[in-house]
Amino acid sequence: MNHIADTGNMVERIAEAIYMGRNGHGAKPFRSQPKAHREPYLKDAVCALKALRDPTPAILQGPLNNPSREPDLWTAIWRAMVDEALKE
């Protein structure tokens, strides 16, 4: 069974997940593809990660399954994590 590699930065991991989702079992490993073939998946991954930057209300409710009394704090933490992933 194919799975996403535990190595690489977050953008590469998301790109590989998109690649596997589109191409399925039996596809050549993402990292063995030529750069020109990987590039569209990497661009899609950056777009996906940027979309995640602004948390939904449900995400803000997630920590410890307790409603946050400080949604601005959770939003700042969430955005900081996504911003760091985008810098990788």
N, C-alpha and C. Protein backbone atom coordinates (compact mmCIF):
# COMPACT_ATOMS: atom_id res chain seq x y z
N MET A 1 0.83 -1.18 0.00
CA MET A 1 0.00 0.00 0.00
C MET A 1 0.88 1.24 0.00
N ASN A 2 0.59 2.19 -0.87
CA ASN A 2 1.34 3.43 -0.92
C ASN A 2 0.94 4.33 0.24
N HIS A 3 1.90 5.04 0.76
CA HIS A 3 1.61 5.98 1.82
C HIS A 3 2.49 7.21 1.65
N ILE A 4 2.15 8.27 2.33
CA ILE A 4 2.89 9.51 2.23
C ILE A 4 4.17 9.38 3.05
N ALA A 5 5.28 9.78 2.46
CA ALA A 5 6.56 9.69 3.13
C ALA A 5 6.58 10.58 4.38
N ASP A 6 7.28 10.12 5.40
CA ASP A 6 7.38 10.89 6.63
C ASP A 6 8.47 11.96 6.54
N THR A 7 9.18 12.00 5.44
CA THR A 7 10.23 12.98 5.29
C THR A 7 9.76 14.11 4.38
N GLY A 8 10.52 15.17 4.35
CA GLY A 8 10.17 16.30 3.49
C GLY A 8 9.37 17.34 4.25
N ASN A 9 9.25 18.50 3.65
CA ASN A 9 8.51 19.55 4.30
C ASN A 9 7.01 19.37 4.07
N MET A 10 6.22 20.20 4.71
CA MET A 10 4.77 20.04 4.66
C MET A 10 4.23 20.22 3.24
N VAL A 11 4.77 21.17 2.49
CA VAL A 11 4.30 21.38 1.12
C VAL A 11 4.54 20.12 0.29
N GLU A 12 5.71 19.51 0.44
CA GLU A 12 6.00 18.29 -0.30
C GLU A 12 5.09 17.14 0.13
N ARG A 13 4.79 17.07 1.41
CA ARG A 13 3.91 16.00 1.90
C ARG A 13 2.50 16.17 1.35
N ILE A 14 2.01 17.41 1.32
CA ILE A 14 0.67 17.66 0.77
C ILE A 14 0.66 17.37 -0.73
N ALA A 15 1.73 17.80 -1.43
CA ALA A 15 1.82 17.55 -2.87
C ALA A 15 1.80 16.05 -3.15
N GLU A 16 2.52 15.30 -2.35
CA GLU A 16 2.55 13.85 -2.54
C GLU A 16 1.17 13.24 -2.28
N ALA A 17 0.47 13.75 -1.28
CA ALA A 17 -0.88 13.25 -0.98
C ALA A 17 -1.83 13.55 -2.15
N ILE A 18 -1.72 14.73 -2.73
CA ILE A 18 -2.54 15.08 -3.89
C ILE A 18 -2.21 14.15 -5.06
N TYR A 19 -0.93 13.95 -5.30
CA TYR A 19 -0.47 13.07 -6.37
C TYR A 19 -1.04 11.65 -6.19
N MET A 20 -0.93 11.12 -4.97
CA MET A 20 -1.42 9.77 -4.72
C MET A 20 -2.94 9.71 -4.84
N GLY A 21 -3.62 10.77 -4.41
CA GLY A 21 -5.06 10.80 -4.53
C GLY A 21 -5.53 10.80 -5.98
N ARG A 22 -4.79 11.46 -6.83
CA ARG A 22 -5.15 11.54 -8.24
C ARG A 22 -4.72 10.31 -9.03
N ASN A 23 -3.59 9.73 -8.65
CA ASN A 23 -3.01 8.65 -9.46
C ASN A 23 -3.19 7.26 -8.87
N GLY A 24 -3.42 7.18 -7.58
CA GLY A 24 -3.76 5.91 -6.94
C GLY A 24 -2.65 4.89 -6.85
N HIS A 25 -3.07 3.73 -6.42
CA HIS A 25 -2.17 2.60 -6.21
C HIS A 25 -1.47 2.23 -7.52
N GLY A 26 -0.20 1.94 -7.42
CA GLY A 26 0.54 1.54 -8.60
C GLY A 26 1.25 2.68 -9.32
N ALA A 27 0.99 3.91 -8.90
CA ALA A 27 1.66 5.05 -9.52
C ALA A 27 3.14 5.06 -9.12
N LYS A 28 3.96 5.60 -9.99
CA LYS A 28 5.38 5.75 -9.64
C LYS A 28 5.49 6.65 -8.42
N PRO A 29 6.49 6.40 -7.57
CA PRO A 29 6.66 7.26 -6.40
C PRO A 29 6.78 8.74 -6.80
N PHE A 30 6.11 9.58 -6.04
CA PHE A 30 6.10 11.02 -6.32
C PHE A 30 7.52 11.58 -6.43
N ARG A 31 8.35 11.21 -5.49
CA ARG A 31 9.71 11.78 -5.44
C ARG A 31 10.61 11.31 -6.59
N SER A 32 10.18 10.27 -7.30
CA SER A 32 10.97 9.82 -8.44
C SER A 32 10.52 10.48 -9.74
N GLN A 33 9.45 11.25 -9.67
CA GLN A 33 8.96 11.96 -10.86
C GLN A 33 9.90 13.13 -11.19
N PRO A 34 10.01 13.51 -12.46
CA PRO A 34 10.82 14.66 -12.82
C PRO A 34 10.22 15.93 -12.20
N LYS A 35 11.06 16.90 -11.97
CA LYS A 35 10.63 18.16 -11.35
C LYS A 35 9.46 18.78 -12.10
N ALA A 36 9.49 18.74 -13.41
CA ALA A 36 8.41 19.34 -14.21
C ALA A 36 7.07 18.66 -13.94
N HIS A 37 7.10 17.37 -13.62
CA HIS A 37 5.86 16.64 -13.31
C HIS A 37 5.40 16.94 -11.88
N ARG A 38 6.34 17.14 -10.95
CA ARG A 38 5.99 17.42 -9.55
C ARG A 38 5.50 18.85 -9.35
N GLU A 39 5.96 19.77 -10.17
CA GLU A 39 5.68 21.19 -9.96
C GLU A 39 4.19 21.53 -9.83
N PRO A 40 3.29 21.04 -10.70
CA PRO A 40 1.87 21.37 -10.53
C PRO A 40 1.31 20.88 -9.19
N TYR A 41 1.77 19.74 -8.72
CA TYR A 41 1.31 19.22 -7.44
C TYR A 41 1.82 20.09 -6.30
N LEU A 42 3.05 20.57 -6.42
CA LEU A 42 3.61 21.46 -5.40
C LEU A 42 2.84 22.78 -5.35
N LYS A 43 2.46 23.29 -6.51
CA LYS A 43 1.66 24.53 -6.55
C LYS A 43 0.29 24.29 -5.93
N ASP A 44 -0.32 23.16 -6.22
CA ASP A 44 -1.61 22.83 -5.61
C ASP A 44 -1.47 22.73 -4.09
N ALA A 45 -0.36 22.15 -3.64
CA ALA A 45 -0.14 22.00 -2.20
C ALA A 45 -0.02 23.36 -1.51
N VAL A 46 0.69 24.29 -2.13
CA VAL A 46 0.80 25.63 -1.55
C VAL A 46 -0.58 26.27 -1.46
N CYS A 47 -1.38 26.13 -2.49
CA CYS A 47 -2.75 26.68 -2.47
C CYS A 47 -3.58 26.05 -1.35
N ALA A 48 -3.46 24.74 -1.19
CA ALA A 48 -4.21 24.05 -0.13
C ALA A 48 -3.77 24.53 1.24
N LEU A 49 -2.47 24.69 1.42
CA LEU A 49 -1.96 25.13 2.72
C LEU A 49 -2.39 26.57 3.01
N LYS A 50 -2.39 27.41 1.98
CA LYS A 50 -2.85 28.79 2.17
C LYS A 50 -4.33 28.82 2.55
N ALA A 51 -5.12 27.92 1.98
CA ALA A 51 -6.55 27.85 2.31
C ALA A 51 -6.75 27.45 3.77
N LEU A 52 -5.83 26.67 4.31
CA LEU A 52 -5.92 26.24 5.70
C LEU A 52 -5.50 27.32 6.69
N ARG A 53 -4.91 28.39 6.19
CA ARG A 53 -4.35 29.41 7.07
C ARG A 53 -5.40 30.03 7.99
N ASP A 54 -6.60 30.23 7.50
CA ASP A 54 -7.66 30.82 8.32
C ASP A 54 -8.54 29.70 8.87
N PRO A 55 -8.46 29.45 10.17
CA PRO A 55 -9.20 28.33 10.74
C PRO A 55 -10.71 28.56 10.73
N THR A 56 -11.42 27.48 10.61
CA THR A 56 -12.88 27.54 10.69
C THR A 56 -13.28 27.56 12.17
N PRO A 57 -14.52 27.93 12.47
CA PRO A 57 -14.96 27.88 13.86
C PRO A 57 -14.82 26.49 14.48
N ALA A 58 -15.06 25.45 13.69
CA ALA A 58 -14.93 24.08 14.21
C ALA A 58 -13.49 23.79 14.62
N ILE A 59 -12.54 24.25 13.83
CA ILE A 59 -11.13 24.03 14.18
C ILE A 59 -10.80 24.75 15.48
N LEU A 60 -11.33 25.96 15.65
CA LEU A 60 -11.05 26.71 16.86
C LEU A 60 -11.66 26.05 18.10
N GLN A 61 -12.67 25.22 17.92
CA GLN A 61 -13.29 24.51 19.04
C GLN A 61 -12.52 23.24 19.39
N GLY A 62 -11.63 22.81 18.53
CA GLY A 62 -10.97 21.53 18.67
C GLY A 62 -10.05 21.33 19.85
N PRO A 63 -9.20 22.30 20.24
CA PRO A 63 -8.23 22.01 21.30
C PRO A 63 -8.90 21.46 22.56
N LEU A 64 -8.53 20.25 22.87
CA LEU A 64 -9.02 19.54 24.05
C LEU A 64 -10.54 19.43 24.09
N ASN A 65 -11.19 19.58 22.95
CA ASN A 65 -12.65 19.51 22.86
C ASN A 65 -13.34 20.50 23.79
N ASN A 66 -12.67 21.60 24.07
CA ASN A 66 -13.25 22.65 24.91
C ASN A 66 -13.40 23.91 24.09
N PRO A 67 -14.55 24.57 24.22
CA PRO A 67 -14.70 25.85 23.52
C PRO A 67 -13.62 26.82 24.00
N SER A 68 -12.96 27.45 23.08
CA SER A 68 -11.90 28.38 23.43
C SER A 68 -12.49 29.70 23.90
N ARG A 69 -11.97 30.16 25.02
CA ARG A 69 -12.36 31.48 25.50
C ARG A 69 -11.48 32.55 24.85
N GLU A 70 -10.47 32.10 24.12
CA GLU A 70 -9.56 33.02 23.47
C GLU A 70 -9.38 32.63 22.00
N PRO A 71 -10.42 32.82 21.18
CA PRO A 71 -10.31 32.40 19.78
C PRO A 71 -9.21 33.15 19.04
N ASP A 72 -8.93 34.39 19.43
CA ASP A 72 -7.85 35.13 18.76
C ASP A 72 -6.50 34.47 19.00
N LEU A 73 -6.30 33.93 20.19
CA LEU A 73 -5.05 33.23 20.51
C LEU A 73 -4.93 31.98 19.66
N TRP A 74 -6.01 31.16 19.60
CA TRP A 74 -5.96 29.94 18.80
C TRP A 74 -5.76 30.26 17.32
N THR A 75 -6.40 31.33 16.84
CA THR A 75 -6.22 31.74 15.44
C THR A 75 -4.77 32.12 15.19
N ALA A 76 -4.16 32.87 16.11
CA ALA A 76 -2.76 33.27 15.95
C ALA A 76 -1.84 32.06 15.95
N ILE A 77 -2.09 31.11 16.84
CA ILE A 77 -1.27 29.89 16.89
C ILE A 77 -1.42 29.09 15.60
N TRP A 78 -2.67 28.90 15.17
CA TRP A 78 -2.94 28.15 13.94
C TRP A 78 -2.23 28.80 12.76
N ARG A 79 -2.40 30.11 12.59
CA ARG A 79 -1.78 30.82 11.47
C ARG A 79 -0.26 30.73 11.53
N ALA A 80 0.30 30.83 12.72
CA ALA A 80 1.76 30.74 12.86
C ALA A 80 2.26 29.37 12.40
N MET A 81 1.52 28.31 12.74
CA MET A 81 1.93 26.97 12.32
C MET A 81 1.86 26.84 10.80
N VAL A 82 0.79 27.32 10.19
CA VAL A 82 0.66 27.24 8.74
C VAL A 82 1.72 28.11 8.06
N ASP A 83 1.96 29.31 8.59
CA ASP A 83 2.98 30.19 8.02
C ASP A 83 4.35 29.52 8.03
N GLU A 84 4.68 28.82 9.12
CA GLU A 84 5.97 28.13 9.19
C GLU A 84 6.04 27.01 8.16
N ALA A 85 4.94 26.30 7.97
CA ALA A 85 4.92 25.23 6.96
C ALA A 85 5.14 25.81 5.57
N LEU A 86 4.58 26.99 5.31
CA LEU A 86 4.75 27.63 4.00
C LEU A 86 6.18 28.09 3.77
N LYS A 87 6.93 28.33 4.84
CA LYS A 87 8.33 28.78 4.72
C LYS A 87 9.28 27.63 4.43
N GLU A 88 8.86 26.39 4.71
CA GLU A 88 9.76 25.23 4.55
C GLU A 88 10.26 25.11 3.13
